[in-house]
Amino acid sequence: MTVINLNEQAAQLASSWKSKVLGNPAGVNFKVLRMDGSPYPDEVHDFDEALLVIDGCMRLDIQSQVTEVHTGEVCIVPAGMPHGVAAGSHGTLVIIDPRD
């Protein structure tokens, strides 16, 4: 069994918006990253992606509509949907997606 402090892991990352895989439970990637207020450009995946805010607020931009996702909330972005992160997002984010 491993206990991981997600905020500590995010704080130790060399740069923001670069995720670190912490494990592969149930065959998925469990990643953590640090949001620093800067925007992140649109991307699209061929899989559903879960975005779980551990601390802070993510300003998720989908088709030019910004939705705030707060501490303790998760957003599941469907496959094929372009999405980015608007400026002002900050804190710790967990991403759950298929294993590479």
Protein backbone atom coordinates (compact mmCIF):
# COMPACT_ATOMS: atom_id res chain seq x y z
CA MET A 1 0.00 0.00 0.00
CA THR A 2 1.23 3.49 -0.86
CA VAL A 3 0.02 6.77 0.62
CA ILE A 4 0.65 9.79 -1.61
CA ASN A 5 0.18 13.45 -0.73
CA LEU A 6 -1.06 14.91 -4.01
CA ASN A 7 -0.38 18.55 -3.12
CA GLU A 8 3.22 17.72 -2.15
CA GLN A 9 3.74 15.76 -5.37
CA ALA A 10 2.43 18.67 -7.45
CA ALA A 11 4.58 21.21 -5.57
CA GLN A 12 7.71 19.15 -6.29
CA LEU A 13 7.20 19.16 -10.06
CA ALA A 14 9.83 21.13 -11.97
CA SER A 15 7.24 23.06 -13.96
CA SER A 16 3.51 23.61 -14.14
CA TRP A 17 1.32 21.84 -16.68
CA LYS A 18 3.72 18.87 -16.85
CA SER A 19 1.97 15.88 -15.32
CA LYS A 20 3.59 13.04 -13.40
CA VAL A 21 2.12 9.53 -13.44
CA LEU A 22 1.79 8.37 -9.84
CA GLY A 23 0.43 4.93 -10.62
CA ASN A 24 -1.76 2.80 -12.85
CA PRO A 25 -4.69 1.55 -10.74
CA ALA A 26 -7.23 -0.52 -12.69
CA GLY A 27 -5.08 -0.06 -15.81
CA VAL A 28 -5.44 3.74 -16.08
CA ASN A 29 -2.94 6.57 -15.64
CA PHE A 30 -3.35 8.47 -12.37
CA LYS A 31 -1.46 11.74 -12.92
CA VAL A 32 -0.92 14.90 -10.90
CA LEU A 33 0.06 18.36 -12.07
CA ARG A 34 0.32 21.90 -10.82
CA MET A 35 -1.74 24.74 -12.32
CA ASP A 36 0.00 28.12 -12.06
CA GLY A 37 -2.52 30.63 -13.40
CA SER A 38 -1.33 30.47 -16.99
CA PRO A 39 -3.61 29.09 -19.72
CA TYR A 40 -3.16 25.70 -21.36
CA PRO A 41 -3.99 25.35 -25.08
CA ASP A 42 -6.83 23.26 -26.49
CA GLU A 43 -6.29 19.57 -26.92
CA VAL A 44 -8.49 16.66 -27.96
CA HIS A 45 -8.28 12.95 -27.10
CA ASP A 46 -9.81 9.77 -28.46
CA PHE A 47 -10.79 8.77 -24.90
CA ASP A 48 -12.78 10.22 -22.01
CA GLU A 49 -10.59 12.15 -19.57
CA ALA A 50 -11.37 12.79 -15.90
CA LEU A 51 -10.08 16.08 -14.44
CA LEU A 52 -10.26 16.17 -10.62
CA VAL A 53 -9.39 19.38 -8.78
CA ILE A 54 -7.65 18.52 -5.50
CA ASP A 55 -6.92 22.10 -4.52
CA GLY A 56 -7.75 25.45 -6.13
CA CYS A 57 -9.82 26.08 -9.25
CA MET A 58 -9.53 24.94 -12.86
CA ARG A 59 -11.16 27.22 -15.45
CA LEU A 60 -12.00 24.64 -18.11
CA ASP A 61 -12.54 26.15 -21.57
CA ILE A 62 -14.79 24.13 -23.86
CA GLN A 63 -15.87 25.76 -27.13
CA SER A 64 -15.14 29.25 -25.74
CA GLN A 65 -17.31 28.66 -22.68
CA VAL A 66 -15.42 28.66 -19.38
CA THR A 67 -16.65 26.43 -16.55
CA GLU A 68 -15.02 26.65 -13.13
CA VAL A 69 -14.24 23.34 -11.48
CA HIS A 70 -13.46 23.79 -7.78
CA THR A 71 -11.73 21.82 -5.02
CA GLY A 72 -13.34 18.40 -4.68
CA GLU A 73 -15.07 18.54 -8.06
CA VAL A 74 -14.38 16.44 -11.15
CA CYS A 75 -15.18 17.05 -14.80
CA ILE A 76 -15.26 14.19 -17.28
CA VAL A 77 -14.46 15.45 -20.76
CA PRO A 78 -15.89 13.15 -23.45
CA ALA A 79 -13.68 11.72 -26.17
CA GLY A 80 -13.35 13.97 -29.21
CA MET A 81 -14.22 17.19 -27.35
CA PRO A 82 -11.61 19.97 -27.72
CA HIS A 83 -10.80 21.51 -24.35
CA GLY A 84 -8.24 23.83 -22.82
CA VAL A 85 -7.68 25.68 -19.57
CA ALA A 86 -8.26 29.42 -19.25
CA ALA A 87 -5.95 31.81 -17.43
CA GLY A 88 -6.46 32.04 -13.69
CA SER A 89 -6.50 28.30 -13.03
CA HIS A 90 -4.44 27.42 -9.97
CA GLY A 91 -3.80 24.57 -7.55
CA THR A 92 -3.46 20.82 -7.88
CA LEU A 93 -5.13 18.77 -10.62
CA VAL A 94 -5.41 14.99 -10.99
CA ILE A 95 -5.89 13.58 -14.48
CA ILE A 96 -7.22 10.07 -15.01
CA ASP A 97 -6.92 8.68 -18.52
CA PRO A 98 -6.05 5.41 -20.33
CA ARG A 99 -2.64 3.94 -19.73
CA ASP A 100 -0.10 4.78 -22.43
